[in-house]
Amino acid sequence: MHESSLIPATWNVPEEIVDRLGKQVGRQRTMEAEKHLLIILHAPPSPEDMYRKGRFFWREPDSHWHCTEFKAGPDAVNRHLDEYQQLLEDFDQKLDQATNALEYLEVLNHLNPVYRALCHTRQALQIAREAVPEDKLLIDFRDNAYRMERTAELLIQDAKNALEFIVAKQAEEQAQASARIELSSHRLNLLIAYFFPIATLSTIFGSNFRHGFERYPAPYPFWIMVTGGLVLGFVIHFFLTKGTQKPKT
């Protein structure tokens, strides 16, 4: 019997292992004593979890397995890893269906803690494999954890690449829109350059003032004023375009 509240009281785990357990689950790890293995793993996490839910797997020297959550037997570790596998498949499907930056960011926020958990799971199983090298099941567990760790890493990279592409595309579209606005503003300035002198002269002199030549069919003073305004507009246009020309190299 032991006094730890983390593992069942019916487990005949060596006191050397029990003494190394704290009041909380702690990190994922493997402890070995007298050919007994106690593997502490975490259930699949989510970003909202402040504390990780621990799962304890006890391997006796005669290869009998026990688990605090699943049915006893070596298949308990496989069921634990299957939950991660199902989670990765769901993330893969969400990545295929994502269409905007918010959806990709949501996948990344959920994938990152899963990836870290798988890294530590693989490390714990590697230590168990080294402690009991003759157990071939531990090799399979370790290799399966490594495969899922690599899958999670690739999914994170795919999500980051897609997110960067969306950001770059939006930046390019924004630059093109700014260029169109700048071109429209430049054209408007040119129109103002041509018609502002005419409007100013018309305001000062008026376009219908009496000049003594009303009896003639052609209002020469009016056209002289318009022509003068256009000439002044051309001069203003020349100075505007001269300031925007690139210097010759």
Protein backbone atom coordinates (compact mmCIF):
# COMPACT_ATOMS: atom_id res chain seq x y z
CA MET A 1 0.00 0.00 0.00
CA HIS A 2 1.08 3.57 -0.64
CA GLU A 3 -0.06 7.02 0.35
CA SER A 4 -0.08 8.74 -3.06
CA SER A 5 -3.47 10.01 -4.23
CA LEU A 6 -2.44 10.09 -7.88
CA ILE A 7 -2.45 6.33 -8.48
CA PRO A 8 -4.88 3.65 -7.26
CA ALA A 9 -4.22 2.25 -3.81
CA THR A 10 -4.44 -1.29 -5.20
CA TRP A 11 -1.38 -0.81 -7.37
CA ASN A 12 1.67 -2.49 -5.90
CA VAL A 13 4.08 0.14 -7.20
CA PRO A 14 7.54 0.22 -5.56
CA GLU A 15 7.88 2.85 -2.87
CA GLU A 16 10.90 4.26 -4.68
CA ILE A 17 8.58 5.37 -7.49
CA VAL A 18 5.79 6.53 -5.18
CA ASP A 19 8.21 8.71 -3.24
CA ARG A 20 9.04 10.56 -6.46
CA LEU A 21 5.40 11.52 -7.05
CA GLY A 22 4.17 14.92 -5.96
CA LYS A 23 0.69 16.20 -5.28
CA GLN A 24 0.19 17.13 -8.93
CA VAL A 25 0.66 15.24 -12.16
CA GLY A 26 3.56 17.34 -13.36
CA ARG A 27 5.30 16.81 -16.68
CA GLN A 28 5.14 13.70 -18.80
CA ARG A 29 7.84 11.24 -17.77
CA THR A 30 8.78 7.64 -17.08
CA MET A 31 10.00 6.34 -13.71
CA GLU A 32 11.67 2.95 -13.29
CA ALA A 33 12.47 0.89 -10.21
CA GLU A 34 12.85 -2.87 -9.67
CA LYS A 35 11.85 -3.53 -13.31
CA HIS A 36 8.59 -1.64 -12.75
CA LEU A 37 7.70 1.20 -15.10
CA LEU A 38 5.35 4.05 -14.26
CA ILE A 39 4.66 6.13 -17.38
CA ILE A 40 2.90 9.45 -16.76
CA LEU A 41 1.27 10.92 -19.87
CA HIS A 42 -1.15 13.78 -20.50
CA ALA A 43 -4.56 13.52 -22.09
CA PRO A 44 -4.97 15.53 -25.33
CA PRO A 45 -4.89 19.19 -24.23
CA SER A 46 -6.79 22.23 -25.42
CA PRO A 47 -5.69 25.91 -25.31
CA GLU A 48 -8.18 26.66 -22.53
CA ASP A 49 -6.75 24.02 -20.16
CA MET A 50 -4.77 25.56 -17.30
CA TYR A 51 -3.73 22.15 -15.97
CA ARG A 52 -3.04 18.94 -17.81
CA LYS A 53 -5.02 15.79 -17.06
CA GLY A 54 -2.63 12.98 -16.19
CA ARG A 55 -2.89 9.34 -17.17
CA PHE A 56 -0.78 6.75 -15.37
CA PHE A 57 0.39 3.55 -17.03
CA TRP A 58 2.02 0.93 -14.82
CA ARG A 59 4.00 -1.89 -16.40
CA GLU A 60 4.88 -4.76 -14.09
CA PRO A 61 8.07 -6.79 -14.60
CA ASP A 62 5.98 -9.64 -16.07
CA SER A 63 4.69 -7.29 -18.85
CA HIS A 64 1.26 -6.79 -17.29
CA TRP A 65 -0.08 -3.29 -17.94
CA HIS A 66 -2.44 -1.20 -15.80
CA CYS A 67 -3.99 2.20 -16.48
CA THR A 68 -5.87 4.72 -14.36
CA GLU A 69 -8.37 5.50 -17.13
CA PHE A 70 -8.50 2.69 -19.68
CA LYS A 71 -8.92 -1.03 -19.36
CA ALA A 72 -5.83 -2.89 -18.15
CA GLY A 73 -3.52 -4.28 -20.78
CA PRO A 74 -0.97 -2.96 -23.29
CA ASP A 75 -3.79 -1.71 -25.50
CA ALA A 76 -4.35 1.10 -22.98
CA VAL A 77 -1.35 2.99 -24.38
CA ASN A 78 -2.68 2.48 -27.91
CA ARG A 79 -6.05 3.91 -26.91
CA HIS A 80 -4.29 6.89 -25.41
CA LEU A 81 -2.35 7.49 -28.63
CA ASP A 82 -5.47 6.91 -30.76
CA GLU A 83 -7.07 9.96 -29.16
CA TYR A 84 -4.18 12.08 -30.41
CA GLN A 85 -4.42 10.46 -33.83
CA GLN A 86 -8.11 11.31 -34.10
CA LEU A 87 -7.38 14.86 -33.01
CA LEU A 88 -4.72 15.25 -35.71
CA GLU A 89 -7.11 13.95 -38.36
CA ASP A 90 -9.68 16.54 -37.26
CA PHE A 91 -7.09 19.30 -37.51
CA ASP A 92 -6.08 18.11 -40.96
CA GLN A 93 -9.68 18.33 -42.10
CA LYS A 94 -10.08 21.80 -40.59
CA LEU A 95 -6.97 22.97 -42.45
CA ASP A 96 -8.43 21.74 -45.73
CA GLN A 97 -11.67 23.62 -45.05
CA ALA A 98 -10.07 26.85 -43.73
CA THR A 99 -10.55 29.89 -45.97
CA ASN A 100 -9.44 32.89 -43.90
CA ALA A 101 -6.73 33.93 -41.47
CA LEU A 102 -8.98 33.57 -38.40
CA GLU A 103 -9.67 29.89 -39.15
CA TYR A 104 -5.99 29.13 -39.69
CA LEU A 105 -5.10 30.93 -36.47
CA GLU A 106 -7.68 28.91 -34.55
CA VAL A 107 -6.14 25.66 -35.83
CA LEU A 108 -2.67 26.88 -34.84
CA ASN A 109 -3.82 27.76 -31.32
CA HIS A 110 -5.15 24.22 -30.84
CA LEU A 111 -2.28 22.45 -32.59
CA ASN A 112 0.57 23.99 -30.63
CA PRO A 113 -0.27 22.45 -27.22
CA VAL A 114 -0.99 19.11 -28.90
CA TYR A 115 2.39 19.19 -30.62
CA ARG A 116 4.19 19.96 -27.36
CA ALA A 117 2.32 17.16 -25.60
CA LEU A 118 3.30 14.68 -28.32
CA CYS A 119 6.96 15.75 -28.08
CA HIS A 120 7.00 14.99 -24.36
CA THR A 121 5.04 11.76 -24.88
CA ARG A 122 7.66 10.53 -27.32
CA GLN A 123 10.43 11.45 -24.88
CA ALA A 124 8.72 9.58 -22.01
CA LEU A 125 8.19 6.49 -24.16
CA GLN A 126 11.81 6.63 -25.34
CA ILE A 127 12.97 6.52 -21.71
CA ALA A 128 10.66 3.56 -21.10
CA ARG A 129 12.07 1.85 -24.18
CA GLU A 130 15.63 2.31 -22.89
CA ALA A 131 14.66 1.05 -19.44
CA VAL A 132 13.15 -2.17 -20.82
CA PRO A 133 14.88 -2.76 -24.17
CA GLU A 134 13.53 -6.31 -24.53
CA ASP A 135 9.89 -5.14 -24.71
CA LYS A 136 9.05 -4.69 -28.41
CA LEU A 137 5.71 -3.05 -27.60
CA LEU A 138 7.52 -0.04 -26.20
CA ILE A 139 9.26 0.37 -29.55
CA ASP A 140 5.90 0.47 -31.30
CA PHE A 141 4.54 2.96 -28.76
CA ARG A 142 7.59 5.19 -29.17
CA ASP A 143 7.52 5.04 -32.97
CA ASN A 144 3.79 5.77 -33.08
CA ALA A 145 4.28 8.81 -30.85
CA TYR A 146 7.13 10.03 -33.05
CA ARG A 147 5.00 9.65 -36.19
CA MET A 148 2.21 11.74 -34.69
CA GLU A 149 4.70 14.30 -33.42
CA ARG A 150 5.99 14.68 -36.98
CA THR A 151 2.43 14.89 -38.35
CA ALA A 152 1.57 17.65 -35.89
CA GLU A 153 4.74 19.53 -36.85
CA LEU A 154 3.86 19.33 -40.56
CA LEU A 155 0.30 20.50 -39.90
CA ILE A 156 1.61 23.49 -37.96
CA GLN A 157 3.96 24.34 -40.81
CA ASP A 158 1.14 24.06 -43.36
CA ALA A 159 -1.08 26.33 -41.27
CA LYS A 160 1.71 28.90 -40.88
CA ASN A 161 2.44 28.87 -44.62
CA ALA A 162 -1.23 29.35 -45.45
CA LEU A 163 -1.53 32.16 -42.90
CA GLU A 164 1.56 33.91 -44.27
CA PHE A 165 0.20 33.58 -47.81
CA ILE A 166 -3.09 35.21 -46.79
CA VAL A 167 -1.25 38.06 -45.04
CA ALA A 168 1.01 38.60 -48.08
CA LYS A 169 -1.96 38.51 -50.43
CA GLN A 170 -3.86 41.06 -48.36
CA ALA A 171 -0.78 43.30 -48.24
CA GLU A 172 -0.46 43.07 -52.01
CA GLU A 173 -4.12 43.91 -52.52
CA GLN A 174 -3.81 46.85 -50.13
CA ALA A 175 -0.74 48.11 -52.02
CA GLN A 176 -2.62 47.88 -55.32
CA ALA A 177 -5.59 49.74 -53.85
CA SER A 178 -3.27 52.45 -52.52
CA ALA A 179 -1.68 52.76 -55.96
CA ARG A 180 -5.10 53.16 -57.57
CA ILE A 181 -6.06 55.82 -55.02
CA GLU A 182 -2.78 57.63 -55.59
CA LEU A 183 -3.33 57.57 -59.37
CA SER A 184 -6.88 58.88 -58.98
CA SER A 185 -5.64 61.64 -56.71
CA HIS A 186 -2.98 62.58 -59.23
CA ARG A 187 -5.53 62.76 -62.04
CA LEU A 188 -7.78 64.91 -59.88
CA ASN A 189 -4.87 67.25 -59.17
CA LEU A 190 -4.25 67.58 -62.90
CA LEU A 191 -7.88 68.46 -63.53
CA ILE A 192 -7.71 71.06 -60.78
CA ALA A 193 -4.49 72.41 -62.27
CA TYR A 194 -6.24 73.01 -65.60
CA PHE A 195 -9.55 74.36 -64.40
CA PHE A 196 -8.59 76.22 -61.22
CA PRO A 197 -7.12 79.22 -63.16
CA ILE A 198 -10.24 79.38 -65.33
CA ALA A 199 -12.48 79.28 -62.30
CA THR A 200 -10.39 81.97 -60.62
CA LEU A 201 -10.50 84.28 -63.66
CA SER A 202 -14.21 83.66 -64.08
CA THR A 203 -14.76 84.57 -60.45
CA ILE A 204 -12.77 87.79 -60.74
CA PHE A 205 -13.98 89.01 -64.13
CA GLY A 206 -17.13 87.00 -64.67
CA SER A 207 -17.84 84.99 -67.82
CA ASN A 208 -20.72 87.19 -68.96
CA PHE A 209 -19.30 90.73 -68.52
CA ARG A 210 -20.11 93.31 -71.16
CA HIS A 211 -17.12 94.06 -73.35
CA GLY A 212 -18.62 96.00 -76.24
CA PHE A 213 -18.28 93.14 -78.68
CA GLU A 214 -21.62 91.48 -77.98
CA ARG A 215 -22.67 92.24 -81.53
CA TYR A 216 -19.99 89.90 -82.85
CA PRO A 217 -20.93 86.20 -83.04
CA ALA A 218 -17.72 85.05 -81.37
CA PRO A 219 -17.09 86.22 -77.76
CA TYR A 220 -13.36 86.86 -78.21
CA PRO A 221 -12.70 88.04 -74.62
CA PHE A 222 -14.32 84.89 -73.25
CA TRP A 223 -12.17 82.61 -75.37
CA ILE A 224 -9.07 84.65 -74.58
CA MET A 225 -9.81 84.16 -70.88
CA VAL A 226 -10.36 80.41 -71.35
CA THR A 227 -7.17 80.09 -73.39
CA GLY A 228 -5.20 82.03 -70.81
CA GLY A 229 -6.58 79.80 -68.05
CA LEU A 230 -5.58 76.66 -69.94
CA VAL A 231 -2.08 78.00 -70.49
CA LEU A 232 -1.75 78.70 -66.79
CA GLY A 233 -3.10 75.21 -66.08
CA PHE A 234 -0.48 73.70 -68.38
CA VAL A 235 2.24 75.61 -66.54
CA ILE A 236 0.97 74.30 -63.18
CA HIS A 237 0.75 70.78 -64.66
CA PHE A 238 4.36 71.05 -65.82
CA PHE A 239 5.60 71.91 -62.34
CA LEU A 240 3.47 69.14 -60.75
CA THR A 241 4.75 66.42 -63.08
CA LYS A 242 8.33 67.68 -62.87
CA GLY A 243 8.36 67.11 -59.11
CA THR A 244 7.21 63.49 -59.50
CA GLN A 245 9.70 62.45 -62.21
CA LYS A 246 12.43 60.06 -61.13
CA PRO A 247 15.98 61.41 -61.33
CA LYS A 248 18.06 60.02 -64.15
CA THR A 249 20.87 57.65 -63.20
